[in-house]
Amino acid sequence: MYKTVALVLVLSLAGVLEAFLSRSEGSWGVNLSAPEMIQALGYPVEVHHVTTSDGYILELHRIPFGLSSEGYRDRPVALLYHGLYGSSADWILNRADQALAYVMADDGYDVWLANARGNRYSRAHQTLDPKDINFWDFSWDEIADFDLPATIDYVLPTTGARDLFYVGFSMGTTVFFAMLSEHPEYNAKIRAMAALAPVAHQGNARGLASQVAPFINQIDKMFTNMGVGEIFPNNALTRSVAMKFCDRNSPTAIICRKILAIIGGPNPDEMNRTSLRWITTILRLVDSSRPLLLT
């Protein structure tokens, strides 16, 4: 019971932390999207949508070329897939010379950033509303079976490419492995795959999550019976709490860092403590007068 309560507390604070990372401190005080952050650094950006065969509407973010490129001609295509509790923003929350999406765009790739069902950018369905608990009746199995194939089948004809490079992080590697297991024909559509922090089994997992894992079915059943499909979303409340308690100048910021350590690992050498300052700098560069290219 205590482990269940601990997990719920961690998940709630994780929602606050995610809200903090996407919160703008710019003069408009808005919650910036990944395309707006891309645009803020002067990169071209497009927003695309694809519908899966089971009705989920996914949003893709495209950086078709870099700052030093000459347009769309003959550019290899790269699809970047985020990890658990992530989004397309994971690939751009750093300096342009360090964030993988910008680095690849500047190196000549046509970069596509995926968003799995249920995250901030893929919260739409042909018939279901996120307020309906049935909207949340999925796991990474469905992401592997529906989302990833639909994304690939949209990106390739849109770009005219025969195959693409794939970069997955954590869950982004799991769904890739599972997709090729269930749909081996997609091997022909992948030129090469880079697995970052690959996850194929949990046998060596450590930390609070592994402690609670044996009880996850009971936890899921408990929340389902309560009619809860989404726990602690990134909304106005969590963003407000984030700015109050997780800002780097807040005396409670160390608690936020501790929660990140519980989720991502306790090694302080792996924590980039300057990243939040850079994120804030990016957000302050936004020019709202530049329209996004929506397709």
C-alpha atoms as a PDB file:
ATOM      1  CA  MET A   1       0.000   0.000   0.000  1.00  0.00           C
ATOM      2  CA  TYR A   2       2.768   2.435   0.905  1.00  0.00           C
ATOM      3  CA  LYS A   3       4.555   1.673  -2.369  1.00  0.00           C
ATOM      4  CA  THR A   4       1.357   2.403  -4.281  1.00  0.00           C
ATOM      5  CA  VAL A   5       0.955   5.764  -2.544  1.00  0.00           C
ATOM      6  CA  ALA A   6       4.615   6.553  -3.225  1.00  0.00           C
ATOM      7  CA  LEU A   7       4.197   5.822  -6.933  1.00  0.00           C
ATOM      8  CA  VAL A   8       1.133   8.044  -7.157  1.00  0.00           C
ATOM      9  CA  LEU A   9       3.055  10.878  -5.489  1.00  0.00           C
ATOM     10  CA  VAL A  10       5.963  10.445  -7.907  1.00  0.00           C
ATOM     11  CA  LEU A  11       3.609  10.432 -10.885  1.00  0.00           C
ATOM     12  CA  SER A  12       1.916  13.582  -9.662  1.00  0.00           C
ATOM     13  CA  LEU A  13       5.241  15.373  -9.263  1.00  0.00           C
ATOM     14  CA  ALA A  14       6.361  14.027 -12.639  1.00  0.00           C
ATOM     15  CA  GLY A  15       3.368  15.777 -14.139  1.00  0.00           C
ATOM     16  CA  VAL A  16       4.431  18.989 -12.442  1.00  0.00           C
ATOM     17  CA  LEU A  17       7.993  18.614 -13.739  1.00  0.00           C
ATOM     18  CA  GLU A  18       6.808  17.967 -17.292  1.00  0.00           C
ATOM     19  CA  ALA A  19       4.630  21.039 -17.057  1.00  0.00           C
ATOM     20  CA  PHE A  20       7.617  23.074 -15.871  1.00  0.00           C
ATOM     21  CA  LEU A  21       9.760  22.016 -18.810  1.00  0.00           C
ATOM     22  CA  SER A  22       7.105  23.136 -21.278  1.00  0.00           C
ATOM     23  CA  ARG A  23       6.094  26.332 -19.469  1.00  0.00           C
ATOM     24  CA  SER A  24       7.045  29.685 -20.957  1.00  0.00           C
ATOM     25  CA  GLU A  25       8.557  32.430 -18.864  1.00  0.00           C
ATOM     26  CA  GLY A  26       8.465  34.786 -21.813  1.00  0.00           C
ATOM     27  CA  SER A  27       6.722  38.130 -21.854  1.00  0.00           C
ATOM     28  CA  TRP A  28       3.483  36.543 -23.076  1.00  0.00           C
ATOM     29  CA  GLY A  29       3.468  33.973 -20.274  1.00  0.00           C
ATOM     30  CA  VAL A  30       2.060  31.273 -22.569  1.00  0.00           C
ATOM     31  CA  ASN A  31       2.602  27.540 -22.632  1.00  0.00           C
ATOM     32  CA  LEU A  32       4.719  27.180 -25.756  1.00  0.00           C
ATOM     33  CA  SER A  33       4.433  24.203 -28.059  1.00  0.00           C
ATOM     34  CA  ALA A  34       7.351  22.318 -29.581  1.00  0.00           C
ATOM     35  CA  PRO A  35       6.767  23.922 -33.025  1.00  0.00           C
ATOM     36  CA  GLU A  36       6.862  27.372 -31.447  1.00  0.00           C
ATOM     37  CA  MET A  37      10.146  26.569 -29.726  1.00  0.00           C
ATOM     38  CA  ILE A  38      11.604  25.304 -33.015  1.00  0.00           C
ATOM     39  CA  GLN A  39      10.454  28.422 -34.776  1.00  0.00           C
ATOM     40  CA  ALA A  40      11.922  30.594 -32.045  1.00  0.00           C
ATOM     41  CA  LEU A  41      15.433  29.505 -33.034  1.00  0.00           C
ATOM     42  CA  GLY A  42      14.779  30.324 -36.681  1.00  0.00           C
ATOM     43  CA  TYR A  43      14.290  26.778 -37.981  1.00  0.00           C
ATOM     44  CA  PRO A  44      11.512  25.936 -40.445  1.00  0.00           C
ATOM     45  CA  VAL A  45       8.752  23.824 -38.925  1.00  0.00           C
ATOM     46  CA  GLU A  46       5.653  22.053 -40.145  1.00  0.00           C
ATOM     47  CA  VAL A  47       2.788  20.431 -38.232  1.00  0.00           C
ATOM     48  CA  HIS A  48       1.257  17.286 -39.715  1.00  0.00           C
ATOM     49  CA  HIS A  49      -1.489  14.932 -38.573  1.00  0.00           C
ATOM     50  CA  VAL A  50      -2.019  11.239 -39.217  1.00  0.00           C
ATOM     51  CA  THR A  51      -4.922   9.027 -38.161  1.00  0.00           C
ATOM     52  CA  THR A  52      -4.278   5.474 -36.991  1.00  0.00           C
ATOM     53  CA  SER A  53      -6.479   2.569 -38.037  1.00  0.00           C
ATOM     54  CA  ASP A  54      -8.055   2.562 -34.547  1.00  0.00           C
ATOM     55  CA  GLY A  55      -8.956   6.232 -34.715  1.00  0.00           C
ATOM     56  CA  TYR A  56      -6.238   8.127 -32.824  1.00  0.00           C
ATOM     57  CA  ILE A  57      -5.079  11.375 -34.426  1.00  0.00           C
ATOM     58  CA  LEU A  58      -1.339  11.847 -34.018  1.00  0.00           C
ATOM     59  CA  GLU A  59       0.578  15.091 -34.458  1.00  0.00           C
ATOM     60  CA  LEU A  60       3.988  15.077 -36.162  1.00  0.00           C
ATOM     61  CA  HIS A  61       6.470  17.952 -36.130  1.00  0.00           C
ATOM     62  CA  ARG A  62       8.801  18.344 -39.081  1.00  0.00           C
ATOM     63  CA  ILE A  63      12.034  20.285 -39.451  1.00  0.00           C
ATOM     64  CA  PRO A  64      12.465  19.902 -43.224  1.00  0.00           C
ATOM     65  CA  PHE A  65      15.928  21.471 -43.380  1.00  0.00           C
ATOM     66  CA  GLY A  66      18.433  23.291 -41.214  1.00  0.00           C
ATOM     67  CA  LEU A  67      19.673  26.844 -41.027  1.00  0.00           C
ATOM     68  CA  SER A  68      22.508  26.271 -43.477  1.00  0.00           C
ATOM     69  CA  SER A  69      20.582  24.048 -45.904  1.00  0.00           C
ATOM     70  CA  GLU A  70      19.211  24.753 -49.344  1.00  0.00           C
ATOM     71  CA  GLY A  71      15.696  23.412 -49.123  1.00  0.00           C
ATOM     72  CA  TYR A  72      14.103  19.998 -49.528  1.00  0.00           C
ATOM     73  CA  ARG A  73      16.197  18.459 -52.313  1.00  0.00           C
ATOM     74  CA  ASP A  74      17.478  14.890 -51.863  1.00  0.00           C
ATOM     75  CA  ARG A  75      17.523  14.921 -48.079  1.00  0.00           C
ATOM     76  CA  PRO A  76      17.501  11.601 -46.205  1.00  0.00           C
ATOM     77  CA  VAL A  77      14.534  11.274 -43.861  1.00  0.00           C
ATOM     78  CA  ALA A  78      14.948  10.742 -40.123  1.00  0.00           C
ATOM     79  CA  LEU A  79      12.138   9.833 -37.705  1.00  0.00           C
ATOM     80  CA  LEU A  80      12.792  10.515 -34.004  1.00  0.00           C
ATOM     81  CA  TYR A  81      10.582   8.763 -31.431  1.00  0.00           C
ATOM     82  CA  HIS A  82      10.435   9.896 -27.795  1.00  0.00           C
ATOM     83  CA  GLY A  83      10.401   7.852 -24.613  1.00  0.00           C
ATOM     84  CA  LEU A  84       7.767   7.156 -21.974  1.00  0.00           C
ATOM     85  CA  TYR A  85       6.081  10.301 -20.677  1.00  0.00           C
ATOM     86  CA  GLY A  86       7.801  12.250 -23.438  1.00  0.00           C
ATOM     87  CA  SER A  87       6.973  14.154 -26.600  1.00  0.00           C
ATOM     88  CA  SER A  88       8.583  15.698 -29.651  1.00  0.00           C
ATOM     89  CA  ALA A  89       9.892  18.458 -27.375  1.00  0.00           C
ATOM     90  CA  ASP A  90      12.416  15.999 -25.913  1.00  0.00           C
ATOM     91  CA  TRP A  91      14.554  16.350 -29.036  1.00  0.00           C
ATOM     92  CA  ILE A  92      14.745  20.168 -29.007  1.00  0.00           C
ATOM     93  CA  LEU A  93      15.107  21.131 -25.324  1.00  0.00           C
ATOM     94  CA  ASN A  94      18.765  22.012 -25.615  1.00  0.00           C
ATOM     95  CA  ARG A  95      21.095  24.330 -27.484  1.00  0.00           C
ATOM     96  CA  ALA A  96      20.827  24.107 -31.253  1.00  0.00           C
ATOM     97  CA  ASP A  97      24.343  22.679 -31.492  1.00  0.00           C
ATOM     98  CA  GLN A  98      23.458  19.934 -28.993  1.00  0.00           C
ATOM     99  CA  ALA A  99      19.783  19.055 -29.515  1.00  0.00           C
ATOM    100  CA  LEU A 100      19.642  16.070 -31.871  1.00  0.00           C
ATOM    101  CA  ALA A 101      16.763  17.355 -34.012  1.00  0.00           C
ATOM    102  CA  TYR A 102      18.623  20.573 -34.867  1.00  0.00           C
ATOM    103  CA  VAL A 103      21.962  18.832 -35.314  1.00  0.00           C
ATOM    104  CA  MET A 104      20.462  16.364 -37.804  1.00  0.00           C
ATOM    105  CA  ALA A 105      18.582  19.094 -39.675  1.00  0.00           C
ATOM    106  CA  ASP A 106      21.794  21.115 -40.005  1.00  0.00           C
ATOM    107  CA  ASP A 107      23.625  17.970 -41.156  1.00  0.00           C
ATOM    108  CA  GLY A 108      21.259  17.508 -44.081  1.00  0.00           C
ATOM    109  CA  TYR A 109      18.376  15.397 -42.767  1.00  0.00           C
ATOM    110  CA  ASP A 110      14.645  15.924 -43.193  1.00  0.00           C
ATOM    111  CA  VAL A 111      13.717  15.492 -39.521  1.00  0.00           C
ATOM    112  CA  TRP A 112      10.343  14.232 -38.293  1.00  0.00           C
ATOM    113  CA  LEU A 113       9.452  14.208 -34.601  1.00  0.00           C
ATOM    114  CA  ALA A 114       6.769  11.718 -33.592  1.00  0.00           C
ATOM    115  CA  ASN A 115       4.183  11.984 -30.819  1.00  0.00           C
ATOM    116  CA  ALA A 116       2.570   8.866 -29.373  1.00  0.00           C
ATOM    117  CA  ARG A 117      -1.118   8.723 -28.579  1.00  0.00           C
ATOM    118  CA  GLY A 118      -2.153  10.430 -25.378  1.00  0.00           C
ATOM    119  CA  ASN A 119       0.717  12.884 -25.018  1.00  0.00           C
ATOM    120  CA  ARG A 120       0.359  16.649 -25.176  1.00  0.00           C
ATOM    121  CA  TYR A 121       0.197  16.760 -28.979  1.00  0.00           C
ATOM    122  CA  SER A 122      -1.762  13.586 -29.764  1.00  0.00           C
ATOM    123  CA  ARG A 123      -4.870  13.993 -27.637  1.00  0.00           C
ATOM    124  CA  ALA A 124      -7.475  13.575 -30.366  1.00  0.00           C
ATOM    125  CA  HIS A 125      -9.553  10.670 -31.658  1.00  0.00           C
ATOM    126  CA  GLN A 126     -12.183  10.269 -34.349  1.00  0.00           C
ATOM    127  CA  THR A 127     -14.876   9.340 -31.832  1.00  0.00           C
ATOM    128  CA  LEU A 128     -13.392   9.418 -28.306  1.00  0.00           C
ATOM    129  CA  ASP A 129     -12.651  12.366 -26.045  1.00  0.00           C
ATOM    130  CA  PRO A 130      -9.679  12.367 -23.629  1.00  0.00           C
ATOM    131  CA  LYS A 131     -12.249  12.883 -20.866  1.00  0.00           C
ATOM    132  CA  ASP A 132     -13.638   9.457 -21.758  1.00  0.00           C
ATOM    133  CA  ILE A 133     -11.743   6.719 -19.927  1.00  0.00           C
ATOM    134  CA  ASN A 134     -11.961   4.542 -23.051  1.00  0.00           C
ATOM    135  CA  PHE A 135      -9.606   6.981 -24.774  1.00  0.00           C
ATOM    136  CA  TRP A 136      -6.861   5.776 -22.398  1.00  0.00           C
ATOM    137  CA  ASP A 137      -7.403   2.065 -22.980  1.00  0.00           C
ATOM    138  CA  PHE A 138      -4.004   1.434 -24.565  1.00  0.00           C
ATOM    139  CA  SER A 139      -0.373   0.681 -23.745  1.00  0.00           C
ATOM    140  CA  TRP A 140       2.880   0.696 -25.678  1.00  0.00           C
ATOM    141  CA  ASP A 141       1.595  -2.416 -27.495  1.00  0.00           C
ATOM    142  CA  GLU A 142      -0.923  -0.263 -29.369  1.00  0.00           C
ATOM    143  CA  ILE A 143       1.733   2.372 -30.033  1.00  0.00           C
ATOM    144  CA  ALA A 144       3.851  -0.348 -31.661  1.00  0.00           C
ATOM    145  CA  ASP A 145       0.941  -1.922 -33.512  1.00  0.00           C
ATOM    146  CA  PHE A 146      -0.818   1.232 -34.725  1.00  0.00           C
ATOM    147  CA  ASP A 147       1.001   4.526 -34.067  1.00  0.00           C
ATOM    148  CA  LEU A 148       4.463   3.764 -35.387  1.00  0.00           C
ATOM    149  CA  PRO A 149       3.353   1.999 -38.600  1.00  0.00           C
ATOM    150  CA  ALA A 150       0.862   4.795 -39.331  1.00  0.00           C
ATOM    151  CA  THR A 151       3.568   7.400 -38.766  1.00  0.00           C
ATOM    152  CA  ILE A 152       6.043   5.677 -41.082  1.00  0.00           C
ATOM    153  CA  ASP A 153       3.366   5.144 -43.738  1.00  0.00           C
ATOM    154  CA  TYR A 154       2.612   8.865 -43.644  1.00  0.00           C
ATOM    155  CA  VAL A 155       6.169  10.182 -43.613  1.00  0.00           C
ATOM    156  CA  LEU A 156       7.480   8.103 -46.525  1.00  0.00           C
ATOM    157  CA  PRO A 157       4.899   9.083 -49.194  1.00  0.00           C
ATOM    158  CA  THR A 158       4.876  12.678 -47.946  1.00  0.00           C
ATOM    159  CA  THR A 159       8.619  12.971 -48.480  1.00  0.00           C
ATOM    160  CA  GLY A 160       8.846  10.645 -51.474  1.00  0.00           C
ATOM    161  CA  ALA A 161      11.506   8.589 -49.716  1.00  0.00           C
ATOM    162  CA  ARG A 162      11.679   4.798 -49.985  1.00  0.00           C
ATOM    163  CA  ASP A 163      13.029   4.329 -46.469  1.00  0.00           C
ATOM    164  CA  LEU A 164      14.072   6.339 -43.433  1.00  0.00           C
ATOM    165  CA  PHE A 165      16.521   6.508 -40.559  1.00  0.00           C
ATOM    166  CA  TYR A 166      14.983   5.844 -37.164  1.00  0.00           C
ATOM    167  CA  VAL A 167      16.148   7.129 -33.786  1.00  0.00           C
ATOM    168  CA  GLY A 168      14.330   5.874 -30.712  1.00  0.00           C
ATOM    169  CA  PHE A 169      14.798   6.727 -27.066  1.00  0.00           C
ATOM    170  CA  SER A 170      13.728   4.281 -24.330  1.00  0.00           C
ATOM    171  CA  MET A 171      10.074   3.505 -25.115  1.00  0.00           C
ATOM    172  CA  GLY A 172      10.823   4.668 -28.655  1.00  0.00           C
ATOM    173  CA  THR A 173      13.107   1.642 -28.977  1.00  0.00           C
ATOM    174  CA  THR A 174      10.632  -0.753 -27.354  1.00  0.00           C
ATOM    175  CA  VAL A 175       7.848   0.086 -29.780  1.00  0.00           C
ATOM    176  CA  PHE A 176      10.280  -0.215 -32.699  1.00  0.00           C
ATOM    177  CA  PHE A 177      11.368  -3.713 -31.681  1.00  0.00           C
ATOM    178  CA  ALA A 178       7.756  -4.737 -31.112  1.00  0.00           C
ATOM    179  CA  MET A 179       6.607  -3.299 -34.443  1.00  0.00           C
ATOM    180  CA  LEU A 180       9.212  -5.237 -36.417  1.00  0.00           C
ATOM    181  CA  SER A 181       8.302  -8.375 -34.485  1.00  0.00           C
ATOM    182  CA  GLU A 182       4.622  -8.049 -35.405  1.00  0.00           C
ATOM    183  CA  HIS A 183       5.084  -6.356 -38.798  1.00  0.00           C
ATOM    184  CA  PRO A 184       8.387  -7.610 -40.269  1.00  0.00           C
ATOM    185  CA  GLU A 185       7.563  -6.028 -43.623  1.00  0.00           C
ATOM    186  CA  TYR A 186       8.591  -2.685 -42.108  1.00  0.00           C
ATOM    187  CA  ASN A 187      12.222  -3.802 -42.103  1.00  0.00           C
ATOM    188  CA  ALA A 188      12.320  -2.774 -45.757  1.00  0.00           C
ATOM    189  CA  LYS A 189      11.249   0.766 -44.813  1.00  0.00           C
ATOM    190  CA  ILE A 190      14.061   1.320 -42.298  1.00  0.00           C
ATOM    191  CA  ARG A 191      17.535   2.166 -43.613  1.00  0.00           C
ATOM    192  CA  ALA A 192      19.124   2.133 -40.168  1.00  0.00           C
ATOM    193  CA  MET A 193      17.989   2.380 -36.547  1.00  0.00           C
ATOM    194  CA  ALA A 194      19.775   4.023 -33.606  1.00  0.00           C
ATOM    195  CA  ALA A 195      18.633   2.785 -30.199  1.00  0.00           C
ATOM    196  CA  LEU A 196      19.211   5.257 -27.353  1.00  0.00           C
ATOM    197  CA  ALA A 197      18.728   3.750 -23.873  1.00  0.00           C
ATOM    198  CA  PRO A 198      17.079   0.683 -25.458  1.00  0.00           C
ATOM    199  CA  VAL A 199      14.476  -1.194 -23.437  1.00  0.00           C
ATOM    200  CA  ALA A 200      13.645  -4.782 -24.296  1.00  0.00           C
ATOM    201  CA  HIS A 201      13.040  -6.231 -20.810  1.00  0.00           C
ATOM    202  CA  GLN A 202      12.903  -4.999 -17.223  1.00  0.00           C
ATOM    203  CA  GLY A 203      14.948  -7.692 -15.518  1.00  0.00           C
ATOM    204  CA  ASN A 204      17.706  -5.310 -14.396  1.00  0.00           C
ATOM    205  CA  ALA A 205      15.504  -2.320 -13.551  1.00  0.00           C
ATOM    206  CA  ARG A 206      16.149  -0.548 -10.257  1.00  0.00           C
ATOM    207  CA  GLY A 207      14.505   2.209  -8.227  1.00  0.00           C
ATOM    208  CA  LEU A 208      10.987   2.960  -7.062  1.00  0.00           C
ATOM    209  CA  ALA A 209       9.299   2.039 -10.340  1.00  0.00           C
ATOM    210  CA  SER A 210      10.724  -1.497 -10.238  1.00  0.00           C
ATOM    211  CA  GLN A 211       9.568  -1.839  -6.627  1.00  0.00           C
ATOM    212  CA  VAL A 212       6.011  -0.958  -7.576  1.00  0.00           C
ATOM    213  CA  ALA A 213       5.940  -2.852 -10.897  1.00  0.00           C
ATOM    214  CA  PRO A 214       4.560  -6.113  -9.400  1.00  0.00           C
ATOM    215  CA  PHE A 215       1.485  -4.172  -8.266  1.00  0.00           C
ATOM    216  CA  ILE A 216       0.888  -2.249 -11.476  1.00  0.00           C
ATOM    217  CA  ASN A 217      -2.135  -4.305 -12.549  1.00  0.00           C
ATOM    218  CA  GLN A 218      -3.854  -3.653  -9.230  1.00  0.00           C
ATOM    219  CA  ILE A 219      -3.006   0.053  -9.480  1.00  0.00           C
ATOM    220  CA  ASP A 220      -4.392   0.210 -12.999  1.00  0.00           C
ATOM    221  CA  LYS A 221      -7.573  -1.575 -11.935  1.00  0.00           C
ATOM    222  CA  MET A 222      -7.996   0.779  -8.978  1.00  0.00           C
ATOM    223  CA  PHE A 223      -7.802   3.914 -11.108  1.00  0.00           C
ATOM    224  CA  THR A 224      -9.984   2.379 -13.827  1.00  0.00           C
ATOM    225  CA  ASN A 225     -12.675   1.577 -11.282  1.00  0.00           C
ATOM    226  CA  MET A 226     -12.462   5.192 -10.147  1.00  0.00           C
ATOM    227  CA  GLY A 227     -13.045   6.312 -13.734  1.00  0.00           C
ATOM    228  CA  VAL A 228      -9.565   7.812 -14.002  1.00  0.00           C
ATOM    229  CA  GLY A 229      -7.741   7.358 -17.299  1.00  0.00           C
ATOM    230  CA  GLU A 230      -5.125  10.112 -17.112  1.00  0.00           C
ATOM    231  CA  ILE A 231      -3.261  10.906 -13.912  1.00  0.00           C
ATOM    232  CA  PHE A 232      -1.954  14.422 -13.243  1.00  0.00           C
ATOM    233  CA  PRO A 233      -1.970  15.868 -16.748  1.00  0.00           C
ATOM    234  CA  ASN A 234      -0.017  18.900 -17.927  1.00  0.00           C
ATOM    235  CA  ASN A 235      -2.699  21.510 -17.311  1.00  0.00           C
ATOM    236  CA  ALA A 236      -3.057  24.972 -15.806  1.00  0.00           C
ATOM    237  CA  LEU A 237      -2.907  23.619 -12.265  1.00  0.00           C
ATOM    238  CA  THR A 238       0.292  21.594 -12.705  1.00  0.00           C
ATOM    239  CA  ARG A 239       1.932  24.455 -14.609  1.00  0.00           C
ATOM    240  CA  SER A 240       1.092  26.840 -11.789  1.00  0.00           C
ATOM    241  CA  VAL A 241       2.508  24.461  -9.190  1.00  0.00           C
ATOM    242  CA  ALA A 242       5.589  23.897 -11.345  1.00  0.00           C
ATOM    243  CA  MET A 243       6.423  27.568 -11.652  1.00  0.00           C
ATOM    244  CA  LYS A 244       6.009  28.061  -7.913  1.00  0.00           C
ATOM    245  CA  PHE A 245       7.930  25.064  -6.613  1.00  0.00           C
ATOM    246  CA  CYS A 246      10.265  23.889  -9.423  1.00  0.00           C
ATOM    247  CA  ASP A 247      11.707  27.135 -10.702  1.00  0.00           C
ATOM    248  CA  ARG A 248      15.504  27.090 -10.345  1.00  0.00           C
ATOM    249  CA  ASN A 249      15.311  30.054  -7.966  1.00  0.00           C
ATOM    250  CA  SER A 250      12.798  28.337  -5.716  1.00  0.00           C
ATOM    251  CA  PRO A 251      14.079  26.881  -2.402  1.00  0.00           C
ATOM    252  CA  THR A 252      12.077  23.738  -3.204  1.00  0.00           C
ATOM    253  CA  ALA A 253      13.759  23.179  -6.580  1.00  0.00           C
ATOM    254  CA  ILE A 254      15.992  20.512  -5.032  1.00  0.00           C
ATOM    255  CA  ILE A 255      12.883  18.395  -4.415  1.00  0.00           C
ATOM    256  CA  CYS A 256      12.079  18.507  -8.129  1.00  0.00           C
ATOM    257  CA  ARG A 257      15.606  17.361  -8.927  1.00  0.00           C
ATOM    258  CA  LYS A 258      15.227  14.497  -6.474  1.00  0.00           C
ATOM    259  CA  ILE A 259      12.016  13.391  -8.178  1.00  0.00           C
ATOM    260  CA  LEU A 260      13.804  13.437 -11.538  1.00  0.00           C
ATOM    261  CA  ALA A 261      16.507  11.256  -9.986  1.00  0.00           C
ATOM    262  CA  ILE A 262      13.892   8.757  -8.801  1.00  0.00           C
ATOM    263  CA  ILE A 263      12.384   8.594 -12.285  1.00  0.00           C
ATOM    264  CA  GLY A 264      15.522   8.713 -14.408  1.00  0.00           C
ATOM    265  CA  GLY A 265      18.240   7.434 -12.100  1.00  0.00           C
ATOM    266  CA  PRO A 266      20.217   8.783  -9.143  1.00  0.00           C
ATOM    267  CA  ASN A 267      23.531   9.553 -10.852  1.00  0.00           C
ATOM    268  CA  PRO A 268      24.080  13.325 -10.445  1.00  0.00           C
ATOM    269  CA  ASP A 269      26.654  13.298 -13.229  1.00  0.00           C
ATOM    270  CA  GLU A 270      23.841  12.518 -15.668  1.00  0.00           C
ATOM    271  CA  MET A 271      21.817  15.586 -14.671  1.00  0.00           C
ATOM    272  CA  ASN A 272      22.401  18.660 -16.806  1.00  0.00           C
ATOM    273  CA  ARG A 273      21.658  21.367 -14.259  1.00  0.00           C
ATOM    274  CA  THR A 274      22.141  24.153 -16.784  1.00  0.00           C
ATOM    275  CA  SER A 275      19.491  22.829 -19.164  1.00  0.00           C
ATOM    276  CA  LEU A 276      16.563  24.603 -17.499  1.00  0.00           C
ATOM    277  CA  ARG A 277      18.313  27.958 -17.887  1.00  0.00           C
ATOM    278  CA  TRP A 278      18.812  27.273 -21.590  1.00  0.00           C
ATOM    279  CA  ILE A 279      15.178  26.228 -22.001  1.00  0.00           C
ATOM    280  CA  THR A 280      14.095  29.488 -20.450  1.00  0.00           C
ATOM    281  CA  THR A 281      16.369  31.375 -22.833  1.00  0.00           C
ATOM    282  CA  ILE A 282      14.808  29.618 -25.819  1.00  0.00           C
ATOM    283  CA  LEU A 283      11.310  30.430 -24.649  1.00  0.00           C
ATOM    284  CA  ARG A 284      12.143  34.115 -24.313  1.00  0.00           C
ATOM    285  CA  LEU A 285      13.234  34.253 -27.976  1.00  0.00           C
ATOM    286  CA  VAL A 286       9.757  33.531 -29.312  1.00  0.00           C
ATOM    287  CA  ASP A 287       8.401  35.920 -31.895  1.00  0.00           C
ATOM    288  CA  SER A 288       4.637  35.376 -32.036  1.00  0.00           C
ATOM    289  CA  SER A 289       4.364  37.309 -35.301  1.00  0.00           C
ATOM    290  CA  ARG A 290       5.847  34.436 -37.316  1.00  0.00           C
ATOM    291  CA  PRO A 291       3.069  32.066 -38.451  1.00  0.00           C
ATOM    292  CA  LEU A 292       3.463  28.291 -38.279  1.00  0.00           C
ATOM    293  CA  LEU A 293       3.190  26.252 -41.455  1.00  0.00           C
ATOM    294  CA  LEU A 294       0.240  23.929 -40.847  1.00  0.00           C
ATOM    295  CA  THR A 295      -0.445  21.041 -43.237  1.00  0.00           C
END
